[in-house]
Structure formats: C-alpha cells, structure tokens
C-alpha cells in the first residue's frame, strides 16, 4: 500500500476537523487560523504522493489565495477572492478538458451532456435570478464566476456520465460540492441579512477540494 504523503493527509484531515469544530463553537480566531493551512496541507499531500503538476499546483495556490482574501470583510477583498477562485476554476476546467475528446464547445453537443446541462444550467439561472437585484456593482464578476463554476460542474458530471467508474464519480461530487459551497457564500453575502451558512460553506468546500485533487493529481501525474 502506497503510504507516501500520509502525514500530510493526516494533517489535512486534522486541520479540517479542527476548523469545522472552531466554526461550530464560534472560535473565530481558530477558524481563521486553520483556514489558512487547510489547502497548503492538501497541496503538500498531493505533491508528496504524486508527481508535481504545475497546473494543479497553481489551482491550489489560487484556491488558498481565495481563502485568505475572503477572511477580511469588505468589497475589495471579496472581488479579489472571486478573481482568485475564478483562476482556480479555469485551471480545473483546463485539466478536465484533457480527458475529453474534441473541443470545449463540442462537449455541449454530446447526447450525454443534455442532463448535466439541464441540471446545472437551470441551477445557474435560478441562482442568478434570486441574486440579480442584490449584487449591485458585483453583478458582472459574480455572474462570470458563477458561469465558470457551473461549467466546472458540467464537465465533472459529463465525465462521470461518459466514464462510469469510481474516480469520475468522486470528481463529479467534488465539482458539485464546490458549486454548492460557493452558492452558500453568495446567499450569505448578498441575500440574507445575517450569515446562515458559515459552517456549511467550509463543510462542503473542504471535501470538494479533496475530491477534485484526488482525481486530478493521479490523472495528471505518475503515482
């Protein structure tokens, strides 16, 4: 059994559990501190367990940067955080496209793309309709990011539909959890007067990143 990187994997799960515990019991200083270390721990496991891949490394870096930027309050930090996560999503899409035949736009014309398109396209329209009047100056960046996030989820579901094995199901789960996590961020930031999903945002985001990395790391590098 391959054990390379196991200490970093244990560190990742330990930090994740500690962070969620701190969120649950309102230890904001501990929640903020552990949040800054979760993605680095995941990255260390990925690069110790698998051969280094620059695209995945940059995706995790931008994810970590987004985590940092969303800790402070304020519109400039929020926009910068969106841009960081947008870069990560674009890299995830690019890596996933390496597993498909044909161009990016050809994926949308496949028969097996119909259901993912209906599900995620409908979800995107529903979310944007709810948020439209609440976004103000952030309408364009949030809409662009939401569209990119939806495309990431679409590619994950399409890959699982075309290749029905466990690894693609893990990827699809990760992309859907990422979309759910960021939807809750939007609701907390723009829809509700007070945050409602603080705990669940990270409770879905952490396994989302793990599932995506779990697929892309061995797929991009040599075990």
C-alpha atoms as a PDB file:
ATOM      1  CA  UNK A   1       0.000   0.000   0.000  1.00  0.00           C
ATOM      2  CA  UNK A   2       1.352   3.384  -1.035  1.00  0.00           C
ATOM      3  CA  UNK A   3       1.985   5.498   2.061  1.00  0.00           C
ATOM      4  CA  UNK A   4       3.867   8.473   0.657  1.00  0.00           C
ATOM      5  CA  UNK A   5       2.448  11.709   1.959  1.00  0.00           C
ATOM      6  CA  UNK A   6       0.334  10.051   4.659  1.00  0.00           C
ATOM      7  CA  UNK A   7       1.467  12.514   7.399  1.00  0.00           C
ATOM      8  CA  UNK A   8       0.311  15.438   5.230  1.00  0.00           C
ATOM      9  CA  UNK A   9      -3.014  13.703   4.563  1.00  0.00           C
ATOM     10  CA  UNK A  10      -3.496  13.240   8.302  1.00  0.00           C
ATOM     11  CA  UNK A  11      -2.562  16.901   8.778  1.00  0.00           C
ATOM     12  CA  UNK A  12      -5.133  17.945   6.166  1.00  0.00           C
ATOM     13  CA  UNK A  13      -7.939  15.995   7.825  1.00  0.00           C
ATOM     14  CA  UNK A  14      -6.858  17.123  11.284  1.00  0.00           C
ATOM     15  CA  UNK A  15      -6.820  20.802  10.309  1.00  0.00           C
ATOM     16  CA  UNK A  16     -10.153  20.399   8.540  1.00  0.00           C
ATOM     17  CA  UNK A  17     -11.771  18.813  11.592  1.00  0.00           C
ATOM     18  CA  UNK A  18     -10.303  21.465  13.886  1.00  0.00           C
ATOM     19  CA  UNK A  19     -11.523  24.236  11.597  1.00  0.00           C
ATOM     20  CA  UNK A  20     -15.070  22.868  11.465  1.00  0.00           C
ATOM     21  CA  UNK A  21     -15.060  22.424  15.239  1.00  0.00           C
ATOM     22  CA  UNK A  22     -13.941  26.041  15.658  1.00  0.00           C
ATOM     23  CA  UNK A  23     -16.685  27.195  13.283  1.00  0.00           C
ATOM     24  CA  UNK A  24     -19.303  25.212  15.148  1.00  0.00           C
ATOM     25  CA  UNK A  25     -18.340  26.581  18.561  1.00  0.00           C
ATOM     26  CA  UNK A  26     -17.643  30.148  17.365  1.00  0.00           C
ATOM     27  CA  UNK A  27     -13.874  30.283  17.929  1.00  0.00           C
ATOM     28  CA  UNK A  28     -13.371  32.750  15.085  1.00  0.00           C
ATOM     29  CA  UNK A  29      -9.626  33.230  15.673  1.00  0.00           C
ATOM     30  CA  UNK A  30      -9.023  29.474  15.474  1.00  0.00           C
ATOM     31  CA  UNK A  31     -11.317  29.114  12.461  1.00  0.00           C
ATOM     32  CA  UNK A  32      -9.440  31.847  10.604  1.00  0.00           C
ATOM     33  CA  UNK A  33      -6.047  30.411  11.533  1.00  0.00           C
ATOM     34  CA  UNK A  34      -6.825  26.860  10.463  1.00  0.00           C
ATOM     35  CA  UNK A  35      -8.473  28.065   7.248  1.00  0.00           C
ATOM     36  CA  UNK A  36      -5.128  29.418   6.066  1.00  0.00           C
ATOM     37  CA  UNK A  37      -3.474  25.996   6.465  1.00  0.00           C
ATOM     38  CA  UNK A  38      -6.008  23.553   5.000  1.00  0.00           C
ATOM     39  CA  UNK A  39      -5.174  23.969   1.299  1.00  0.00           C
ATOM     40  CA  UNK A  40      -1.383  24.061   1.904  1.00  0.00           C
ATOM     41  CA  UNK A  41      -1.712  20.734   3.758  1.00  0.00           C
ATOM     42  CA  UNK A  42      -3.691  19.290   0.842  1.00  0.00           C
ATOM     43  CA  UNK A  43      -1.084  20.580  -1.618  1.00  0.00           C
ATOM     44  CA  UNK A  44       1.753  19.021   0.391  1.00  0.00           C
ATOM     45  CA  UNK A  45      -0.024  15.655   0.337  1.00  0.00           C
ATOM     46  CA  UNK A  46      -0.684  15.893  -3.407  1.00  0.00           C
ATOM     47  CA  UNK A  47       2.905  16.767  -4.240  1.00  0.00           C
ATOM     48  CA  UNK A  48       4.370  14.174  -1.886  1.00  0.00           C
ATOM     49  CA  UNK A  49       2.030  11.402  -3.028  1.00  0.00           C
ATOM     50  CA  UNK A  50       2.037  12.197  -6.775  1.00  0.00           C
ATOM     51  CA  UNK A  51       4.389  13.713  -9.295  1.00  0.00           C
ATOM     52  CA  UNK A  52       4.316  17.530  -9.221  1.00  0.00           C
ATOM     53  CA  UNK A  53       1.941  19.076 -11.739  1.00  0.00           C
ATOM     54  CA  UNK A  54       2.179  22.817 -12.299  1.00  0.00           C
ATOM     55  CA  UNK A  55      -1.444  23.359 -13.296  1.00  0.00           C
ATOM     56  CA  UNK A  56      -2.800  21.643 -10.201  1.00  0.00           C
ATOM     57  CA  UNK A  57      -0.233  23.480  -8.099  1.00  0.00           C
ATOM     58  CA  UNK A  58      -1.423  26.834  -9.423  1.00  0.00           C
ATOM     59  CA  UNK A  59      -5.075  25.844  -8.948  1.00  0.00           C
ATOM     60  CA  UNK A  60      -4.444  25.023  -5.297  1.00  0.00           C
ATOM     61  CA  UNK A  61      -2.414  28.212  -4.882  1.00  0.00           C
ATOM     62  CA  UNK A  62      -5.252  30.371  -6.216  1.00  0.00           C
ATOM     63  CA  UNK A  63      -7.711  28.470  -4.020  1.00  0.00           C
ATOM     64  CA  UNK A  64      -5.549  29.170  -0.996  1.00  0.00           C
ATOM     65  CA  UNK A  65      -5.274  32.831  -2.014  1.00  0.00           C
ATOM     66  CA  UNK A  66      -9.048  32.987  -2.315  1.00  0.00           C
ATOM     67  CA  UNK A  67      -9.395  31.549   1.183  1.00  0.00           C
ATOM     68  CA  UNK A  68      -7.125  34.252   2.555  1.00  0.00           C
ATOM     69  CA  UNK A  69      -8.888  37.078   0.733  1.00  0.00           C
ATOM     70  CA  UNK A  70     -12.341  36.037   1.942  1.00  0.00           C
ATOM     71  CA  UNK A  71     -11.344  36.173   5.616  1.00  0.00           C
ATOM     72  CA  UNK A  72     -11.466  40.012   5.936  1.00  0.00           C
ATOM     73  CA  UNK A  73     -14.697  41.906   5.357  1.00  0.00           C
ATOM     74  CA  UNK A  74     -15.040  44.399   2.530  1.00  0.00           C
ATOM     75  CA  UNK A  75     -15.954  44.543  -1.162  1.00  0.00           C
ATOM     76  CA  UNK A  76     -12.342  44.842  -2.465  1.00  0.00           C
ATOM     77  CA  UNK A  77     -11.363  41.643  -0.624  1.00  0.00           C
ATOM     78  CA  UNK A  78     -14.484  39.879  -1.896  1.00  0.00           C
ATOM     79  CA  UNK A  79     -13.780  40.821  -5.526  1.00  0.00           C
ATOM     80  CA  UNK A  80     -10.137  39.759  -5.183  1.00  0.00           C
ATOM     81  CA  UNK A  81     -11.268  36.460  -3.649  1.00  0.00           C
ATOM     82  CA  UNK A  82     -13.648  35.847  -6.551  1.00  0.00           C
ATOM     83  CA  UNK A  83     -10.836  36.504  -9.038  1.00  0.00           C
ATOM     84  CA  UNK A  84      -8.551  34.048  -7.234  1.00  0.00           C
ATOM     85  CA  UNK A  85     -11.173  31.296  -7.223  1.00  0.00           C
ATOM     86  CA  UNK A  86     -12.038  32.110 -10.828  1.00  0.00           C
ATOM     87  CA  UNK A  87      -8.426  31.405 -11.804  1.00  0.00           C
ATOM     88  CA  UNK A  88      -8.578  28.101  -9.897  1.00  0.00           C
ATOM     89  CA  UNK A  89     -11.800  27.083 -11.658  1.00  0.00           C
ATOM     90  CA  UNK A  90     -10.367  27.909 -15.084  1.00  0.00           C
ATOM     91  CA  UNK A  91      -7.373  25.693 -14.330  1.00  0.00           C
ATOM     92  CA  UNK A  92      -9.628  22.861 -13.138  1.00  0.00           C
ATOM     93  CA  UNK A  93     -11.625  23.161 -16.372  1.00  0.00           C
ATOM     94  CA  UNK A  94      -8.457  23.085 -18.453  1.00  0.00           C
ATOM     95  CA  UNK A  95      -7.194  19.967 -16.676  1.00  0.00           C
ATOM     96  CA  UNK A  96     -10.541  18.206 -17.053  1.00  0.00           C
ATOM     97  CA  UNK A  97     -10.666  19.053 -20.767  1.00  0.00           C
ATOM     98  CA  UNK A  98      -7.531  16.945 -21.170  1.00  0.00           C
ATOM     99  CA  UNK A  99      -9.725  13.883 -20.524  1.00  0.00           C
ATOM    100  CA  UNK A 100     -12.276  14.637 -23.254  1.00  0.00           C
ATOM    101  CA  UNK A 101     -12.182  14.080 -26.987  1.00  0.00           C
ATOM    102  CA  UNK A 102     -12.993  17.110 -29.106  1.00  0.00           C
ATOM    103  CA  UNK A 103     -13.004  20.819 -28.395  1.00  0.00           C
ATOM    104  CA  UNK A 104     -14.564  22.570 -25.431  1.00  0.00           C
ATOM    105  CA  UNK A 105     -17.699  23.577 -27.359  1.00  0.00           C
ATOM    106  CA  UNK A 106     -18.141  20.084 -28.775  1.00  0.00           C
ATOM    107  CA  UNK A 107     -18.748  18.793 -25.247  1.00  0.00           C
ATOM    108  CA  UNK A 108     -22.040  20.687 -25.121  1.00  0.00           C
ATOM    109  CA  UNK A 109     -23.348  18.914 -28.224  1.00  0.00           C
ATOM    110  CA  UNK A 110     -22.949  15.396 -26.842  1.00  0.00           C
ATOM    111  CA  UNK A 111     -26.078  13.387 -26.028  1.00  0.00           C
ATOM    112  CA  UNK A 112     -24.823  12.673 -22.536  1.00  0.00           C
ATOM    113  CA  UNK A 113     -24.410  16.414 -21.951  1.00  0.00           C
ATOM    114  CA  UNK A 114     -28.169  17.068 -22.041  1.00  0.00           C
ATOM    115  CA  UNK A 115     -28.953  16.121 -18.445  1.00  0.00           C
ATOM    116  CA  UNK A 116     -25.911  17.900 -16.904  1.00  0.00           C
ATOM    117  CA  UNK A 117     -26.737  20.985 -18.966  1.00  0.00           C
ATOM    118  CA  UNK A 118     -30.357  20.993 -17.843  1.00  0.00           C
ATOM    119  CA  UNK A 119     -29.471  20.472 -14.186  1.00  0.00           C
ATOM    120  CA  UNK A 120     -26.610  22.936 -13.900  1.00  0.00           C
ATOM    121  CA  UNK A 121     -27.909  25.446 -16.437  1.00  0.00           C
ATOM    122  CA  UNK A 122     -31.235  25.551 -14.623  1.00  0.00           C
ATOM    123  CA  UNK A 123     -29.480  25.932 -11.285  1.00  0.00           C
ATOM    124  CA  UNK A 124     -27.353  28.816 -12.620  1.00  0.00           C
ATOM    125  CA  UNK A 125     -30.413  30.656 -13.956  1.00  0.00           C
ATOM    126  CA  UNK A 126     -32.274  30.111 -10.668  1.00  0.00           C
ATOM    127  CA  UNK A 127     -29.392  31.435  -8.553  1.00  0.00           C
ATOM    128  CA  UNK A 128     -28.767  34.475 -10.753  1.00  0.00           C
ATOM    129  CA  UNK A 129     -32.468  35.364 -10.772  1.00  0.00           C
ATOM    130  CA  UNK A 130     -32.522  35.328  -6.988  1.00  0.00           C
ATOM    131  CA  UNK A 131     -29.313  37.345  -6.709  1.00  0.00           C
ATOM    132  CA  UNK A 132     -29.781  39.735  -9.636  1.00  0.00           C
ATOM    133  CA  UNK A 133     -31.237  42.656  -7.681  1.00  0.00           C
ATOM    134  CA  UNK A 134     -28.864  42.137  -4.739  1.00  0.00           C
ATOM    135  CA  UNK A 135     -25.491  42.114  -6.495  1.00  0.00           C
ATOM    136  CA  UNK A 136     -25.168  45.790  -7.437  1.00  0.00           C
ATOM    137  CA  UNK A 137     -21.642  46.628  -8.635  1.00  0.00           C
ATOM    138  CA  UNK A 138     -20.651  42.970  -8.241  1.00  0.00           C
ATOM    139  CA  UNK A 139     -23.164  41.765 -10.833  1.00  0.00           C
ATOM    140  CA  UNK A 140     -20.622  41.185 -13.604  1.00  0.00           C
ATOM    141  CA  UNK A 141     -17.792  39.481 -11.626  1.00  0.00           C
ATOM    142  CA  UNK A 142     -20.193  37.285  -9.645  1.00  0.00           C
ATOM    143  CA  UNK A 143     -22.130  36.286 -12.782  1.00  0.00           C
ATOM    144  CA  UNK A 144     -18.936  35.422 -14.672  1.00  0.00           C
ATOM    145  CA  UNK A 145     -17.600  33.395 -11.783  1.00  0.00           C
ATOM    146  CA  UNK A 146     -20.929  31.601 -11.305  1.00  0.00           C
ATOM    147  CA  UNK A 147     -20.928  30.694 -15.004  1.00  0.00           C
ATOM    148  CA  UNK A 148     -17.377  29.339 -14.809  1.00  0.00           C
ATOM    149  CA  UNK A 149     -18.250  27.369 -11.678  1.00  0.00           C
ATOM    150  CA  UNK A 150     -21.249  25.898 -13.489  1.00  0.00           C
ATOM    151  CA  UNK A 151     -19.041  24.849 -16.399  1.00  0.00           C
ATOM    152  CA  UNK A 152     -16.693  23.111 -13.960  1.00  0.00           C
ATOM    153  CA  UNK A 153     -19.639  21.190 -12.522  1.00  0.00           C
ATOM    154  CA  UNK A 154     -20.902  20.379 -16.016  1.00  0.00           C
ATOM    155  CA  UNK A 155     -17.544  18.905 -17.051  1.00  0.00           C
ATOM    156  CA  UNK A 156     -17.403  16.870 -13.847  1.00  0.00           C
ATOM    157  CA  UNK A 157     -20.880  15.416 -14.412  1.00  0.00           C
ATOM    158  CA  UNK A 158     -20.204  14.795 -18.105  1.00  0.00           C
ATOM    159  CA  UNK A 159     -17.024  12.905 -17.317  1.00  0.00           C
ATOM    160  CA  UNK A 160     -18.901  10.736 -14.812  1.00  0.00           C
ATOM    161  CA  UNK A 161     -21.636  10.100 -17.400  1.00  0.00           C
ATOM    162  CA  UNK A 162     -19.143   9.092 -20.095  1.00  0.00           C
ATOM    163  CA  UNK A 163     -16.854   7.056 -17.840  1.00  0.00           C
ATOM    164  CA  UNK A 164     -18.799   5.294 -15.134  1.00  0.00           C
ATOM    165  CA  UNK A 165     -16.053   4.415 -12.694  1.00  0.00           C
ATOM    166  CA  UNK A 166     -15.416   5.455  -9.113  1.00  0.00           C
ATOM    167  CA  UNK A 167     -12.808   8.127  -9.794  1.00  0.00           C
ATOM    168  CA  UNK A 168     -15.052  10.139 -12.115  1.00  0.00           C
ATOM    169  CA  UNK A 169     -17.890   9.959  -9.598  1.00  0.00           C
ATOM    170  CA  UNK A 170     -15.525  11.402  -6.989  1.00  0.00           C
ATOM    171  CA  UNK A 171     -14.645  14.236  -9.374  1.00  0.00           C
ATOM    172  CA  UNK A 172     -18.307  14.961 -10.120  1.00  0.00           C
ATOM    173  CA  UNK A 173     -19.068  15.041  -6.395  1.00  0.00           C
ATOM    174  CA  UNK A 174     -16.224  17.476  -5.839  1.00  0.00           C
ATOM    175  CA  UNK A 175     -17.337  19.890  -8.547  1.00  0.00           C
ATOM    176  CA  UNK A 176     -20.941  19.829  -7.312  1.00  0.00           C
ATOM    177  CA  UNK A 177     -19.891  20.412  -3.704  1.00  0.00           C
ATOM    178  CA  UNK A 178     -17.755  23.344  -4.853  1.00  0.00           C
ATOM    179  CA  UNK A 179     -20.767  24.867  -6.616  1.00  0.00           C
ATOM    180  CA  UNK A 180     -22.909  24.326  -3.520  1.00  0.00           C
ATOM    181  CA  UNK A 181     -20.299  25.880  -1.245  1.00  0.00           C
ATOM    182  CA  UNK A 182     -19.932  28.998  -3.365  1.00  0.00           C
ATOM    183  CA  UNK A 183     -23.703  29.314  -3.733  1.00  0.00           C
ATOM    184  CA  UNK A 184     -23.958  29.478   0.047  1.00  0.00           C
ATOM    185  CA  UNK A 185     -21.248  32.172   0.097  1.00  0.00           C
ATOM    186  CA  UNK A 186     -23.359  34.214  -2.331  1.00  0.00           C
ATOM    187  CA  UNK A 187     -26.504  33.771  -0.266  1.00  0.00           C
ATOM    188  CA  UNK A 188     -24.714  34.821   2.919  1.00  0.00           C
ATOM    189  CA  UNK A 189     -23.062  37.794   1.232  1.00  0.00           C
ATOM    190  CA  UNK A 190     -25.994  39.177  -0.758  1.00  0.00           C
ATOM    191  CA  UNK A 191     -29.307  37.538   0.073  1.00  0.00           C
ATOM    192  CA  UNK A 192     -29.612  37.141   3.828  1.00  0.00           C
ATOM    193  CA  UNK A 193     -29.235  39.979   6.301  1.00  0.00           C
ATOM    194  CA  UNK A 194     -27.162  37.736   8.556  1.00  0.00           C
ATOM    195  CA  UNK A 195     -24.940  34.806   7.506  1.00  0.00           C
ATOM    196  CA  UNK A 196     -26.785  31.497   7.615  1.00  0.00           C
ATOM    197  CA  UNK A 197     -24.296  29.050   6.106  1.00  0.00           C
ATOM    198  CA  UNK A 198     -20.963  29.909   7.751  1.00  0.00           C
ATOM    199  CA  UNK A 199     -20.366  26.340   8.936  1.00  0.00           C
ATOM    200  CA  UNK A 200     -21.707  24.588   5.840  1.00  0.00           C
ATOM    201  CA  UNK A 201     -19.662  26.671   3.410  1.00  0.00           C
ATOM    202  CA  UNK A 202     -16.441  25.084   4.627  1.00  0.00           C
ATOM    203  CA  UNK A 203     -18.101  21.730   5.369  1.00  0.00           C
ATOM    204  CA  UNK A 204     -18.755  21.404   1.624  1.00  0.00           C
ATOM    205  CA  UNK A 205     -15.705  23.297   0.340  1.00  0.00           C
ATOM    206  CA  UNK A 206     -13.135  21.077   2.088  1.00  0.00           C
ATOM    207  CA  UNK A 207     -14.366  17.740   0.664  1.00  0.00           C
ATOM    208  CA  UNK A 208     -14.881  19.463  -2.705  1.00  0.00           C
ATOM    209  CA  UNK A 209     -11.210  20.402  -2.949  1.00  0.00           C
ATOM    210  CA  UNK A 210     -10.140  16.973  -1.728  1.00  0.00           C
ATOM    211  CA  UNK A 211     -12.316  15.115  -4.256  1.00  0.00           C
ATOM    212  CA  UNK A 212     -11.131  17.267  -7.174  1.00  0.00           C
ATOM    213  CA  UNK A 213      -7.471  16.894  -6.189  1.00  0.00           C
ATOM    214  CA  UNK A 214      -7.934  13.159  -5.620  1.00  0.00           C
ATOM    215  CA  UNK A 215      -8.964  12.773  -9.261  1.00  0.00           C
ATOM    216  CA  UNK A 216      -6.716  15.319 -10.940  1.00  0.00           C
ATOM    217  CA  UNK A 217      -3.493  14.512  -9.071  1.00  0.00           C
ATOM    218  CA  UNK A 218      -3.091  10.877 -10.217  1.00  0.00           C
ATOM    219  CA  UNK A 219      -4.639  11.703 -13.570  1.00  0.00           C
ATOM    220  CA  UNK A 220      -2.086  14.440 -14.179  1.00  0.00           C
ATOM    221  CA  UNK A 221       0.950  12.797 -12.681  1.00  0.00           C
ATOM    222  CA  UNK A 222       2.544   9.433 -12.091  1.00  0.00           C
ATOM    223  CA  UNK A 223       1.744   7.541  -8.918  1.00  0.00           C
END
